[in-house]
């Protein structure tokens, strides 16, 4: 799929060059093509030795290896994690893979009102102070 994407980008660049489209328009078109490619990627559910599985396992070990919202890393309204065995979606900027995970598996912490919230709920409620409140 990636070689096809590269050929399509080259074709679009040649088309734009013929019509003298400004550079910014070419950049926007290339970004749109990349978005279409990324959204068309389907997750691969595989385990150790590439056997088929019904779901992926989070790598763990902290940071984005654990199931969480990972605020500031792109899609913030769904929990996700880095996965083992290249299971799930291939990473676009880094090596490895990732998958959405169960909202019930996300870490929750007690807020000032005594109730438990996840990091996404902290960021929505506390806004600019969400990260500070989460790390308290």
Protein backbone atom coordinates (compact mmCIF):
# COMPACT_ATOMS: atom_id res chain seq x y z
CA UNK A 1 0.00 0.00 0.00
CA UNK A 2 2.85 2.41 0.77
CA UNK A 3 4.42 2.19 -2.74
CA UNK A 4 0.99 3.00 -4.20
CA UNK A 5 0.75 6.02 -1.90
CA UNK A 6 4.19 7.23 -2.99
CA UNK A 7 3.22 6.87 -6.66
CA UNK A 8 0.01 8.79 -6.00
CA UNK A 9 1.91 11.61 -4.26
CA UNK A 10 4.33 11.82 -7.23
CA UNK A 11 1.39 11.90 -9.66
CA UNK A 12 -0.31 14.69 -7.69
CA UNK A 13 2.96 16.66 -7.51
CA UNK A 14 3.36 16.43 -11.30
CA UNK A 15 -0.25 17.46 -11.81
CA UNK A 16 0.21 20.47 -9.54
CA UNK A 17 3.48 21.42 -11.23
CA UNK A 18 1.71 21.49 -14.60
CA UNK A 19 -0.92 23.88 -13.31
CA UNK A 20 1.46 26.03 -11.22
CA UNK A 21 -0.50 25.55 -8.01
CA UNK A 22 1.04 27.44 -5.07
CA UNK A 23 3.31 25.46 -2.73
CA UNK A 24 0.84 25.65 0.19
CA UNK A 25 -1.87 23.98 -1.88
CA UNK A 26 0.53 21.16 -2.75
CA UNK A 27 1.34 20.66 0.93
CA UNK A 28 -2.35 20.55 1.84
CA UNK A 29 -3.04 18.03 -0.94
CA UNK A 30 -0.15 15.81 0.21
CA UNK A 31 -1.44 15.92 3.81
CA UNK A 32 -4.93 14.96 2.60
CA UNK A 33 -3.50 11.99 0.72
CA UNK A 34 -1.56 10.89 3.79
CA UNK A 35 -4.72 11.19 5.92
CA UNK A 36 -6.65 9.01 3.45
CA UNK A 37 -3.89 6.39 3.54
CA UNK A 38 -3.70 6.37 7.35
CA UNK A 39 -7.48 6.16 7.77
CA UNK A 40 -7.59 3.25 5.30
CA UNK A 41 -5.16 1.15 7.35
CA UNK A 42 -6.87 -1.79 9.01
CA UNK A 43 -5.67 -3.26 12.30
CA UNK A 44 -3.92 -6.63 12.21
CA UNK A 45 -4.77 -8.89 15.13
CA UNK A 46 -1.86 -11.26 15.62
CA UNK A 47 -0.09 -12.77 18.58
CA UNK A 48 3.26 -14.40 19.12
CA UNK A 49 4.45 -16.24 15.99
CA UNK A 50 1.81 -14.26 14.02
CA UNK A 51 -1.10 -16.52 15.02
CA UNK A 52 -4.55 -14.84 14.76
CA UNK A 53 -5.95 -13.40 18.00
CA UNK A 54 -9.19 -11.64 18.94
CA UNK A 55 -7.46 -8.65 20.55
CA UNK A 56 -4.08 -7.12 21.26
CA UNK A 57 -2.05 -7.06 24.47
CA UNK A 58 -0.66 -3.76 25.75
CA UNK A 59 3.12 -3.75 26.20
CA UNK A 60 2.92 -2.21 29.66
CA UNK A 61 5.97 -0.75 31.33
CA UNK A 62 4.53 2.73 31.79
CA UNK A 63 3.98 5.68 29.46
CA UNK A 64 2.16 4.74 26.26
CA UNK A 65 2.70 1.01 26.80
CA UNK A 66 -0.16 1.12 29.32
CA UNK A 67 -3.80 1.59 28.37
CA UNK A 68 -4.59 5.28 28.69
CA UNK A 69 -5.63 8.49 26.96
CA UNK A 70 -2.06 9.75 26.38
CA UNK A 71 -3.08 13.39 26.14
CA UNK A 72 -1.12 15.37 23.60
CA UNK A 73 -0.36 12.31 21.45
CA UNK A 74 -3.09 12.78 18.86
CA UNK A 75 -6.44 11.10 19.39
CA UNK A 76 -7.28 11.97 22.97
CA UNK A 77 -10.88 10.80 23.41
CA UNK A 78 -10.18 7.05 23.10
CA UNK A 79 -7.74 5.09 25.27
CA UNK A 80 -4.94 3.27 23.44
CA UNK A 81 -1.61 1.59 24.12
CA UNK A 82 1.53 0.35 22.38
CA UNK A 83 1.17 -3.37 21.70
CA UNK A 84 3.27 -6.52 21.52
CA UNK A 85 3.85 -8.63 18.39
CA UNK A 86 2.94 -5.83 15.92
CA UNK A 87 -0.70 -6.37 16.82
CA UNK A 88 -3.20 -3.63 15.96
CA UNK A 89 -2.43 -0.57 13.86
CA UNK A 90 1.07 0.09 12.52
CA UNK A 91 2.65 3.26 13.94
CA UNK A 92 2.90 6.08 11.43
CA UNK A 93 5.75 8.05 12.99
CA UNK A 94 7.56 5.44 15.05
CA UNK A 95 8.25 1.74 14.79
CA UNK A 96 5.91 -0.68 16.48
CA UNK A 97 2.16 -0.89 16.75
CA UNK A 98 -0.74 0.35 18.85
CA UNK A 99 -4.39 -0.50 19.51
CA UNK A 100 -7.42 0.97 21.21
CA UNK A 101 -8.06 -0.57 24.60
CA UNK A 102 -10.88 -0.98 27.11
CA UNK A 103 -11.93 2.22 28.90
CA UNK A 104 -12.41 0.15 32.04
CA UNK A 105 -8.67 -0.68 32.07
CA UNK A 106 -7.58 2.96 32.20
CA UNK A 107 -5.93 4.25 35.39
CA UNK A 108 -8.15 6.43 37.59
CA UNK A 109 -7.09 8.75 40.39
CA UNK A 110 -9.00 10.41 43.19
CA UNK A 111 -9.87 14.08 42.63
CA UNK A 112 -10.52 16.76 45.26
CA UNK A 113 -14.20 15.75 45.39
CA UNK A 114 -13.25 12.23 46.51
CA UNK A 115 -14.36 10.57 43.25
CA UNK A 116 -12.15 8.68 40.80
CA UNK A 117 -11.47 10.03 37.30
CA UNK A 118 -9.20 9.11 34.39
CA UNK A 119 -6.71 11.56 32.84
CA UNK A 120 -9.13 12.55 30.07
CA UNK A 121 -11.81 13.47 32.61
CA UNK A 122 -9.22 15.40 34.65
CA UNK A 123 -8.19 17.39 31.55
CA UNK A 124 -11.80 18.19 30.65
CA UNK A 125 -12.72 19.30 34.17
CA UNK A 126 -9.55 21.14 35.22
CA UNK A 127 -8.59 22.29 31.67
CA UNK A 128 -5.18 24.05 31.85
CA UNK A 129 -4.53 22.64 35.34
CA UNK A 130 -5.51 19.07 34.38
CA UNK A 131 -1.95 17.77 34.14
CA UNK A 132 -0.96 19.34 37.47
CA UNK A 133 -4.07 17.96 39.18
CA UNK A 134 -3.44 14.51 37.68
CA UNK A 135 0.15 14.45 38.96
CA UNK A 136 -0.76 15.55 42.52
